[in-house]
């Protein structure tokens, strides 16, 4: 079963181009990652025509996702 979460999706869509960082908060296992990595991801691809190569998806509880991020941050810091 999938919960659509239209209220939260519409809030993200409404504020996506305001040049501010969005912070999604909530208790554990309430659907934050699902909202971003599935619902908003599909919206960006199907409705906004964003190519998959321009979207970064990761989960902080997955070491395989965190390692490339930390390596990328180290490269950025070493360039300064």
C-alpha atoms as a PDB file:
ATOM      1  CA  UNK A   1       0.000   0.000   0.000  1.00  0.00           C
ATOM      2  CA  UNK A   2       1.294   3.461  -0.876  1.00  0.00           C
ATOM      3  CA  UNK A   3       0.313   6.656   0.906  1.00  0.00           C
ATOM      4  CA  UNK A   4       0.372   9.490  -1.618  1.00  0.00           C
ATOM      5  CA  UNK A   5       1.328  12.314   0.797  1.00  0.00           C
ATOM      6  CA  UNK A   6      -0.091  14.962  -1.561  1.00  0.00           C
ATOM      7  CA  UNK A   7      -0.039  17.677   1.127  1.00  0.00           C
ATOM      8  CA  UNK A   8       3.712  17.317   1.684  1.00  0.00           C
ATOM      9  CA  UNK A   9       4.473  16.858  -2.012  1.00  0.00           C
ATOM     10  CA  UNK A  10       2.563  20.032  -2.871  1.00  0.00           C
ATOM     11  CA  UNK A  11       4.470  21.972  -0.199  1.00  0.00           C
ATOM     12  CA  UNK A  12       7.779  20.813  -1.689  1.00  0.00           C
ATOM     13  CA  UNK A  13       6.652  21.698  -5.205  1.00  0.00           C
ATOM     14  CA  UNK A  14       5.420  25.130  -4.107  1.00  0.00           C
ATOM     15  CA  UNK A  15       8.729  25.980  -2.434  1.00  0.00           C
ATOM     16  CA  UNK A  16      11.218  24.179  -4.666  1.00  0.00           C
ATOM     17  CA  UNK A  17      12.524  27.281  -6.459  1.00  0.00           C
ATOM     18  CA  UNK A  18      12.760  29.742  -3.569  1.00  0.00           C
ATOM     19  CA  UNK A  19      16.559  29.270  -3.250  1.00  0.00           C
ATOM     20  CA  UNK A  20      16.292  28.054   0.353  1.00  0.00           C
ATOM     21  CA  UNK A  21      17.424  24.711   1.762  1.00  0.00           C
ATOM     22  CA  UNK A  22      14.535  22.461   2.715  1.00  0.00           C
ATOM     23  CA  UNK A  23      14.743  20.388   5.888  1.00  0.00           C
ATOM     24  CA  UNK A  24      12.357  17.458   6.174  1.00  0.00           C
ATOM     25  CA  UNK A  25      11.878  16.371   9.800  1.00  0.00           C
ATOM     26  CA  UNK A  26       9.803  13.780  11.591  1.00  0.00           C
ATOM     27  CA  UNK A  27       9.962  10.773  13.841  1.00  0.00           C
ATOM     28  CA  UNK A  28      11.784   7.638  12.690  1.00  0.00           C
ATOM     29  CA  UNK A  29      10.101   5.622   9.948  1.00  0.00           C
ATOM     30  CA  UNK A  30       7.395   8.203   9.185  1.00  0.00           C
ATOM     31  CA  UNK A  31       8.172   8.395   5.449  1.00  0.00           C
ATOM     32  CA  UNK A  32      10.676  11.265   5.092  1.00  0.00           C
ATOM     33  CA  UNK A  33      13.031   9.338   2.806  1.00  0.00           C
ATOM     34  CA  UNK A  34      10.122   7.818   0.902  1.00  0.00           C
ATOM     35  CA  UNK A  35       8.676  11.286   0.305  1.00  0.00           C
ATOM     36  CA  UNK A  36      11.949  12.572  -1.131  1.00  0.00           C
ATOM     37  CA  UNK A  37      13.543   9.501  -2.719  1.00  0.00           C
ATOM     38  CA  UNK A  38      10.373   8.107  -4.290  1.00  0.00           C
ATOM     39  CA  UNK A  39       7.465  10.543  -4.477  1.00  0.00           C
ATOM     40  CA  UNK A  40       9.354  13.819  -5.112  1.00  0.00           C
ATOM     41  CA  UNK A  41      11.928  11.992  -7.257  1.00  0.00           C
ATOM     42  CA  UNK A  42       9.141  10.649  -9.512  1.00  0.00           C
ATOM     43  CA  UNK A  43       7.569  14.109  -9.654  1.00  0.00           C
ATOM     44  CA  UNK A  44      10.840  15.695 -10.777  1.00  0.00           C
ATOM     45  CA  UNK A  45      11.319  13.107 -13.527  1.00  0.00           C
ATOM     46  CA  UNK A  46       7.752  12.930 -14.825  1.00  0.00           C
ATOM     47  CA  UNK A  47       6.413  16.459 -14.305  1.00  0.00           C
ATOM     48  CA  UNK A  48       9.518  18.675 -14.258  1.00  0.00           C
ATOM     49  CA  UNK A  49      11.471  16.731 -16.928  1.00  0.00           C
ATOM     50  CA  UNK A  50      14.597  16.590 -14.747  1.00  0.00           C
ATOM     51  CA  UNK A  51      17.028  13.933 -15.949  1.00  0.00           C
ATOM     52  CA  UNK A  52      17.907  11.155 -13.489  1.00  0.00           C
ATOM     53  CA  UNK A  53      21.590  12.098 -13.747  1.00  0.00           C
ATOM     54  CA  UNK A  54      20.855  15.474 -12.112  1.00  0.00           C
ATOM     55  CA  UNK A  55      19.230  13.973  -9.009  1.00  0.00           C
ATOM     56  CA  UNK A  56      21.229  12.719  -6.041  1.00  0.00           C
ATOM     57  CA  UNK A  57      19.450  10.114  -3.904  1.00  0.00           C
ATOM     58  CA  UNK A  58      20.884   8.798  -0.660  1.00  0.00           C
ATOM     59  CA  UNK A  59      19.967   7.544   2.804  1.00  0.00           C
ATOM     60  CA  UNK A  60      21.973   8.476   5.868  1.00  0.00           C
ATOM     61  CA  UNK A  61      21.374   5.037   7.370  1.00  0.00           C
ATOM     62  CA  UNK A  62      23.123   3.285   4.466  1.00  0.00           C
ATOM     63  CA  UNK A  63      26.918   3.305   4.661  1.00  0.00           C
ATOM     64  CA  UNK A  64      27.204   2.731   0.906  1.00  0.00           C
ATOM     65  CA  UNK A  65      25.341   6.020   0.340  1.00  0.00           C
ATOM     66  CA  UNK A  66      27.267   8.016   2.947  1.00  0.00           C
ATOM     67  CA  UNK A  67      30.787   7.046   1.793  1.00  0.00           C
ATOM     68  CA  UNK A  68      30.572   8.729  -1.643  1.00  0.00           C
ATOM     69  CA  UNK A  69      29.122  11.841  -0.015  1.00  0.00           C
ATOM     70  CA  UNK A  70      31.958  12.102   2.483  1.00  0.00           C
ATOM     71  CA  UNK A  71      34.527  11.514  -0.294  1.00  0.00           C
ATOM     72  CA  UNK A  72      32.887  14.270  -2.378  1.00  0.00           C
ATOM     73  CA  UNK A  73      32.948  16.678   0.596  1.00  0.00           C
ATOM     74  CA  UNK A  74      36.626  15.946   1.155  1.00  0.00           C
ATOM     75  CA  UNK A  75      37.382  16.800  -2.476  1.00  0.00           C
ATOM     76  CA  UNK A  76      35.472  20.075  -2.191  1.00  0.00           C
ATOM     77  CA  UNK A  77      37.272  20.999   1.043  1.00  0.00           C
ATOM     78  CA  UNK A  78      40.684  20.152  -0.396  1.00  0.00           C
ATOM     79  CA  UNK A  79      40.033  22.464  -3.365  1.00  0.00           C
ATOM     80  CA  UNK A  80      39.626  25.508  -1.083  1.00  0.00           C
END
